Amino acid sequence: MKTLFLLQAVLCALIAVRLLFFRRDGAAHRPWAARLAYGLIVMAGAVAIGVLFGRYEWAMLALTGVVAVLCLAVYAVRGNVVELFRVTGAADLSSAESFLLRLLRKTHHDYPATR
């Protein structure tokens, strides 16, 4: 059981670090995607810190598998959470976008002008 705790901690730490060091490289800032990435960083980091301090109560093989798949997906898209929800490949789905993807792609914001 201790192995599952350590494996989950390492996987969650890898997720948090990859998301934390994501670089937009000139792409548009998407506030909802940034909030989602922030939430994932906090949640994944909380698991790693909880295991480190002995406060994480349980670990299951199935949950560790889900975390491993999420970790692989985050690294496959180089930390870009918007890409996690992109629908491609199917002819009938290529033009359709999920509500979540449209929300994450939203680039306008309601911040007041500073100039």
N, C-alpha and C. Protein backbone atom coordinates (compact mmCIF):
# COMPACT_ATOMS: atom_id res chain seq x y z
N MET A 1 0.82 -1.20 0.00
CA MET A 1 0.00 0.00 0.00
C MET A 1 0.87 1.27 0.00
N LYS A 2 1.98 1.22 0.68
CA LYS A 2 2.88 2.37 0.72
C LYS A 2 3.37 2.73 -0.69
N THR A 3 3.54 1.72 -1.53
CA THR A 3 3.99 1.95 -2.90
C THR A 3 2.97 2.78 -3.68
N LEU A 4 1.68 2.49 -3.47
CA LEU A 4 0.64 3.26 -4.16
C LEU A 4 0.65 4.72 -3.72
N PHE A 5 0.87 4.96 -2.43
CA PHE A 5 0.96 6.34 -1.95
C PHE A 5 2.10 7.08 -2.64
N LEU A 6 3.25 6.45 -2.68
CA LEU A 6 4.41 7.10 -3.29
C LEU A 6 4.22 7.29 -4.79
N LEU A 7 3.63 6.30 -5.45
CA LEU A 7 3.39 6.42 -6.89
C LEU A 7 2.43 7.55 -7.18
N GLN A 8 1.34 7.64 -6.40
CA GLN A 8 0.40 8.75 -6.59
C GLN A 8 1.06 10.09 -6.32
N ALA A 9 1.87 10.16 -5.30
CA ALA A 9 2.56 11.42 -4.98
C ALA A 9 3.47 11.85 -6.11
N VAL A 10 4.23 10.92 -6.66
CA VAL A 10 5.14 11.24 -7.76
C VAL A 10 4.36 11.67 -9.00
N LEU A 11 3.30 10.93 -9.34
CA LEU A 11 2.50 11.28 -10.52
C LEU A 11 1.85 12.65 -10.35
N CYS A 12 1.30 12.91 -9.18
CA CYS A 12 0.66 14.21 -8.94
C CYS A 12 1.68 15.34 -8.94
N ALA A 13 2.85 15.09 -8.41
CA ALA A 13 3.90 16.11 -8.44
C ALA A 13 4.32 16.39 -9.88
N LEU A 14 4.42 15.35 -10.70
CA LEU A 14 4.76 15.54 -12.12
C LEU A 14 3.69 16.37 -12.84
N ILE A 15 2.43 16.09 -12.55
CA ILE A 15 1.33 16.86 -13.15
C ILE A 15 1.43 18.33 -12.75
N ALA A 16 1.59 18.57 -11.45
CA ALA A 16 1.64 19.95 -10.95
C ALA A 16 2.83 20.71 -11.54
N VAL A 17 3.98 20.07 -11.60
CA VAL A 17 5.17 20.73 -12.14
C VAL A 17 5.00 21.05 -13.61
N ARG A 18 4.47 20.10 -14.38
CA ARG A 18 4.30 20.35 -15.83
C ARG A 18 3.32 21.48 -16.08
N LEU A 19 2.22 21.49 -15.36
CA LEU A 19 1.24 22.57 -15.53
C LEU A 19 1.81 23.90 -15.06
N LEU A 20 2.56 23.86 -13.99
CA LEU A 20 3.13 25.08 -13.44
C LEU A 20 4.11 25.74 -14.40
N PHE A 21 4.83 24.94 -15.17
CA PHE A 21 5.84 25.48 -16.08
C PHE A 21 5.36 25.56 -17.53
N PHE A 22 4.05 25.54 -17.75
CA PHE A 22 3.51 25.70 -19.10
C PHE A 22 3.82 27.10 -19.61
N ARG A 23 4.25 27.20 -20.86
CA ARG A 23 4.54 28.49 -21.48
C ARG A 23 3.62 28.68 -22.68
N ARG A 24 2.98 29.84 -22.75
CA ARG A 24 2.05 30.13 -23.83
C ARG A 24 2.76 30.45 -25.13
N ASP A 25 3.96 30.94 -25.08
CA ASP A 25 4.73 31.33 -26.27
C ASP A 25 3.96 32.24 -27.20
N GLY A 26 3.36 33.29 -26.66
CA GLY A 26 2.67 34.27 -27.47
C GLY A 26 1.21 33.96 -27.75
N ALA A 27 0.72 32.81 -27.34
CA ALA A 27 -0.69 32.46 -27.57
C ALA A 27 -1.58 33.33 -26.69
N ALA A 28 -2.85 33.39 -27.03
CA ALA A 28 -3.80 34.21 -26.29
C ALA A 28 -3.99 33.68 -24.87
N HIS A 29 -4.14 34.61 -23.94
CA HIS A 29 -4.43 34.24 -22.55
C HIS A 29 -5.90 33.86 -22.45
N ARG A 30 -6.16 32.71 -21.90
CA ARG A 30 -7.54 32.23 -21.72
C ARG A 30 -7.80 32.10 -20.23
N PRO A 31 -8.58 33.02 -19.67
CA PRO A 31 -8.78 33.04 -18.21
C PRO A 31 -9.35 31.73 -17.65
N TRP A 32 -10.32 31.14 -18.32
CA TRP A 32 -10.91 29.91 -17.79
C TRP A 32 -9.93 28.75 -17.85
N ALA A 33 -9.11 28.69 -18.88
CA ALA A 33 -8.10 27.65 -18.97
C ALA A 33 -7.05 27.85 -17.87
N ALA A 34 -6.70 29.09 -17.61
CA ALA A 34 -5.75 29.38 -16.54
C ALA A 34 -6.31 28.97 -15.19
N ARG A 35 -7.59 29.22 -14.97
CA ARG A 35 -8.22 28.81 -13.71
C ARG A 35 -8.27 27.29 -13.57
N LEU A 36 -8.57 26.62 -14.65
CA LEU A 36 -8.59 25.15 -14.62
C LEU A 36 -7.19 24.62 -14.33
N ALA A 37 -6.19 25.16 -14.98
CA ALA A 37 -4.81 24.72 -14.74
C ALA A 37 -4.41 24.99 -13.30
N TYR A 38 -4.80 26.15 -12.77
CA TYR A 38 -4.49 26.48 -11.38
C TYR A 38 -5.14 25.48 -10.44
N GLY A 39 -6.40 25.16 -10.68
CA GLY A 39 -7.09 24.18 -9.84
C GLY A 39 -6.43 22.81 -9.89
N LEU A 40 -6.02 22.38 -11.08
CA LEU A 40 -5.33 21.10 -11.21
C LEU A 40 -3.98 21.11 -10.49
N ILE A 41 -3.27 22.23 -10.57
CA ILE A 41 -1.99 22.35 -9.87
C ILE A 41 -2.19 22.24 -8.37
N VAL A 42 -3.18 22.94 -7.85
CA VAL A 42 -3.45 22.92 -6.41
C VAL A 42 -3.87 21.52 -5.95
N MET A 43 -4.78 20.89 -6.70
CA MET A 43 -5.25 19.56 -6.30
C MET A 43 -4.15 18.51 -6.40
N ALA A 44 -3.39 18.53 -7.49
CA ALA A 44 -2.31 17.56 -7.64
C ALA A 44 -1.21 17.81 -6.61
N GLY A 45 -0.92 19.06 -6.38
CA GLY A 45 0.09 19.40 -5.37
C GLY A 45 -0.35 19.01 -3.97
N ALA A 46 -1.64 19.12 -3.68
CA ALA A 46 -2.15 18.75 -2.37
C ALA A 46 -1.97 17.25 -2.11
N VAL A 47 -2.14 16.44 -3.13
CA VAL A 47 -1.93 15.00 -2.97
C VAL A 47 -0.46 14.73 -2.66
N ALA A 48 0.43 15.34 -3.43
CA ALA A 48 1.87 15.12 -3.21
C ALA A 48 2.29 15.59 -1.82
N ILE A 49 1.82 16.75 -1.41
CA ILE A 49 2.18 17.28 -0.09
C ILE A 49 1.54 16.43 1.01
N GLY A 50 0.30 15.99 0.79
CA GLY A 50 -0.37 15.14 1.78
C GLY A 50 0.38 13.84 2.01
N VAL A 51 0.86 13.22 0.96
CA VAL A 51 1.64 11.99 1.11
C VAL A 51 2.96 12.29 1.82
N LEU A 52 3.59 13.38 1.46
CA LEU A 52 4.87 13.76 2.06
C LEU A 52 4.75 13.93 3.58
N PHE A 53 3.66 14.51 4.04
CA PHE A 53 3.47 14.76 5.47
C PHE A 53 2.61 13.70 6.16
N GLY A 54 2.29 12.63 5.47
CA GLY A 54 1.54 11.53 6.09
C GLY A 54 0.08 11.84 6.35
N ARG A 55 -0.48 12.79 5.63
CA ARG A 55 -1.89 13.18 5.84
C ARG A 55 -2.82 12.63 4.77
N TYR A 56 -2.29 11.92 3.80
CA TYR A 56 -3.11 11.34 2.73
C TYR A 56 -3.61 10.00 3.23
N GLU A 57 -4.92 9.83 3.29
CA GLU A 57 -5.52 8.70 3.99
C GLU A 57 -5.61 7.41 3.20
N TRP A 58 -5.76 7.49 1.87
CA TRP A 58 -5.98 6.25 1.12
C TRP A 58 -5.47 6.37 -0.30
N ALA A 59 -5.12 5.24 -0.85
CA ALA A 59 -4.70 5.17 -2.24
C ALA A 59 -5.22 3.85 -2.81
N MET A 60 -5.82 3.94 -3.98
CA MET A 60 -6.35 2.74 -4.63
C MET A 60 -5.63 2.55 -5.95
N LEU A 61 -5.53 1.31 -6.36
CA LEU A 61 -4.88 1.00 -7.63
C LEU A 61 -5.61 1.67 -8.79
N ALA A 62 -6.95 1.65 -8.77
CA ALA A 62 -7.73 2.27 -9.84
C ALA A 62 -7.48 3.78 -9.91
N LEU A 63 -7.46 4.43 -8.78
CA LEU A 63 -7.21 5.87 -8.75
C LEU A 63 -5.80 6.20 -9.22
N THR A 64 -4.85 5.36 -8.85
CA THR A 64 -3.48 5.55 -9.31
C THR A 64 -3.41 5.42 -10.83
N GLY A 65 -4.20 4.51 -11.39
CA GLY A 65 -4.26 4.37 -12.85
C GLY A 65 -4.84 5.61 -13.51
N VAL A 66 -5.88 6.17 -12.93
CA VAL A 66 -6.47 7.39 -13.48
C VAL A 66 -5.47 8.54 -13.42
N VAL A 67 -4.77 8.66 -12.32
CA VAL A 67 -3.77 9.71 -12.18
C VAL A 67 -2.64 9.51 -13.20
N ALA A 68 -2.26 8.26 -13.44
CA ALA A 68 -1.20 7.97 -14.42
C ALA A 68 -1.64 8.37 -15.82
N VAL A 69 -2.88 8.09 -16.17
CA VAL A 69 -3.39 8.47 -17.50
C VAL A 69 -3.46 9.99 -17.62
N LEU A 70 -3.92 10.67 -16.57
CA LEU A 70 -3.96 12.14 -16.59
C LEU A 70 -2.55 12.71 -16.73
N CYS A 71 -1.61 12.12 -16.04
CA CYS A 71 -0.22 12.58 -16.12
C CYS A 71 0.31 12.42 -17.55
N LEU A 72 0.06 11.28 -18.16
CA LEU A 72 0.48 11.06 -19.54
C LEU A 72 -0.19 12.06 -20.49
N ALA A 73 -1.48 12.32 -20.27
CA ALA A 73 -2.20 13.25 -21.13
C ALA A 73 -1.66 14.67 -20.99
N VAL A 74 -1.37 15.09 -19.77
CA VAL A 74 -0.84 16.44 -19.54
C VAL A 74 0.52 16.60 -20.21
N TYR A 75 1.36 15.58 -20.12
CA TYR A 75 2.66 15.66 -20.78
C TYR A 75 2.54 15.56 -22.29
N ALA A 76 1.55 14.82 -22.78
CA ALA A 76 1.36 14.69 -24.23
C ALA A 76 0.98 16.02 -24.87
N VAL A 77 0.22 16.85 -24.15
CA VAL A 77 -0.18 18.16 -24.67
C VAL A 77 0.73 19.27 -24.15
N ARG A 78 1.84 18.89 -23.55
CA ARG A 78 2.85 19.82 -23.04
C ARG A 78 2.27 20.83 -22.04
N GLY A 79 1.31 20.39 -21.24
CA GLY A 79 0.75 21.24 -20.20
C GLY A 79 -0.38 22.15 -20.63
N ASN A 80 -0.81 22.06 -21.87
CA ASN A 80 -1.87 22.92 -22.39
C ASN A 80 -3.22 22.28 -22.09
N VAL A 81 -3.91 22.77 -21.04
CA VAL A 81 -5.16 22.14 -20.62
C VAL A 81 -6.26 22.29 -21.67
N VAL A 82 -6.20 23.30 -22.51
CA VAL A 82 -7.20 23.46 -23.57
C VAL A 82 -7.11 22.28 -24.53
N GLU A 83 -5.91 21.83 -24.81
CA GLU A 83 -5.72 20.72 -25.74
C GLU A 83 -6.27 19.40 -25.18
N LEU A 84 -6.42 19.30 -23.88
CA LEU A 84 -6.99 18.09 -23.29
C LEU A 84 -8.43 17.87 -23.72
N PHE A 85 -9.12 18.94 -24.10
CA PHE A 85 -10.54 18.86 -24.43
C PHE A 85 -10.83 19.06 -25.92
N ARG A 86 -9.82 19.07 -26.75
CA ARG A 86 -10.00 19.25 -28.18
C ARG A 86 -10.61 17.99 -28.78
N VAL A 87 -11.60 18.18 -29.66
CA VAL A 87 -12.25 17.06 -30.34
C VAL A 87 -11.76 17.04 -31.78
N THR A 88 -11.04 15.97 -32.17
CA THR A 88 -10.55 15.84 -33.53
C THR A 88 -10.69 14.39 -33.98
N GLY A 89 -10.56 14.17 -35.26
CA GLY A 89 -10.52 12.82 -35.78
C GLY A 89 -11.81 12.37 -36.45
N ALA A 90 -12.94 12.57 -35.83
CA ALA A 90 -14.21 12.13 -36.41
C ALA A 90 -14.77 13.23 -37.30
N ALA A 91 -15.29 12.84 -38.46
CA ALA A 91 -15.80 13.81 -39.43
C ALA A 91 -16.98 14.59 -38.85
N ASP A 92 -17.86 13.91 -38.15
CA ASP A 92 -19.04 14.59 -37.63
C ASP A 92 -18.74 15.38 -36.35
N LEU A 93 -17.62 15.11 -35.69
CA LEU A 93 -17.30 15.82 -34.47
C LEU A 93 -16.29 16.93 -34.68
N SER A 94 -15.68 17.01 -35.87
CA SER A 94 -14.60 17.97 -36.08
C SER A 94 -15.07 19.42 -35.97
N SER A 95 -16.30 19.69 -36.34
CA SER A 95 -16.78 21.06 -36.24
C SER A 95 -17.48 21.32 -34.91
N ALA A 96 -17.85 20.26 -34.22
CA ALA A 96 -18.55 20.42 -32.95
C ALA A 96 -17.53 20.57 -31.83
N GLU A 97 -17.80 21.48 -30.93
CA GLU A 97 -16.95 21.68 -29.77
C GLU A 97 -17.81 21.57 -28.52
N SER A 98 -17.24 21.00 -27.51
CA SER A 98 -17.97 20.89 -26.26
C SER A 98 -18.08 22.27 -25.61
N PHE A 99 -19.03 22.40 -24.72
CA PHE A 99 -19.21 23.65 -23.99
C PHE A 99 -17.95 23.99 -23.21
N LEU A 100 -17.34 22.96 -22.60
CA LEU A 100 -16.14 23.19 -21.82
C LEU A 100 -14.99 23.71 -22.68
N LEU A 101 -14.82 23.16 -23.86
CA LEU A 101 -13.75 23.62 -24.75
C LEU A 101 -14.01 25.05 -25.20
N ARG A 102 -15.26 25.38 -25.53
CA ARG A 102 -15.57 26.77 -25.91
C ARG A 102 -15.29 27.72 -24.76
N LEU A 103 -15.62 27.30 -23.54
CA LEU A 103 -15.37 28.14 -22.37
C LEU A 103 -13.87 28.32 -22.15
N LEU A 104 -13.10 27.25 -22.31
CA LEU A 104 -11.66 27.35 -22.10
C LEU A 104 -10.98 28.18 -23.19
N ARG A 105 -11.51 28.16 -24.38
CA ARG A 105 -10.92 28.94 -25.48
C ARG A 105 -11.29 30.41 -25.43
N LYS A 106 -12.26 30.75 -24.65
CA LYS A 106 -12.73 32.13 -24.56
C LYS A 106 -11.55 33.04 -24.21
N THR A 107 -11.31 34.05 -25.05
CA THR A 107 -10.14 34.90 -24.84
C THR A 107 -10.51 36.30 -24.35
N HIS A 108 -11.73 36.71 -24.52
CA HIS A 108 -12.05 38.06 -24.05
C HIS A 108 -12.24 38.04 -22.55
N HIS A 109 -12.06 39.18 -21.95
CA HIS A 109 -12.23 39.29 -20.52
C HIS A 109 -12.91 40.61 -20.21
N ASP A 110 -13.38 40.73 -18.99
CA ASP A 110 -14.11 41.92 -18.58
C ASP A 110 -13.27 42.82 -17.69
N TYR A 111 -11.97 42.82 -17.89
CA TYR A 111 -11.12 43.67 -17.09
C TYR A 111 -11.19 45.10 -17.62
N PRO A 112 -11.17 46.08 -16.72
CA PRO A 112 -11.19 47.47 -17.19
C PRO A 112 -9.89 47.85 -17.88
N ALA A 113 -9.98 48.75 -18.81
CA ALA A 113 -8.79 49.21 -19.53
C ALA A 113 -7.87 49.96 -18.56
N THR A 114 -6.59 49.72 -18.70
CA THR A 114 -5.64 50.35 -17.78
C THR A 114 -4.94 51.56 -18.39
N ARG A 115 -5.16 51.81 -19.64
CA ARG A 115 -4.48 52.94 -20.30
C ARG A 115 -5.39 54.09 -20.51
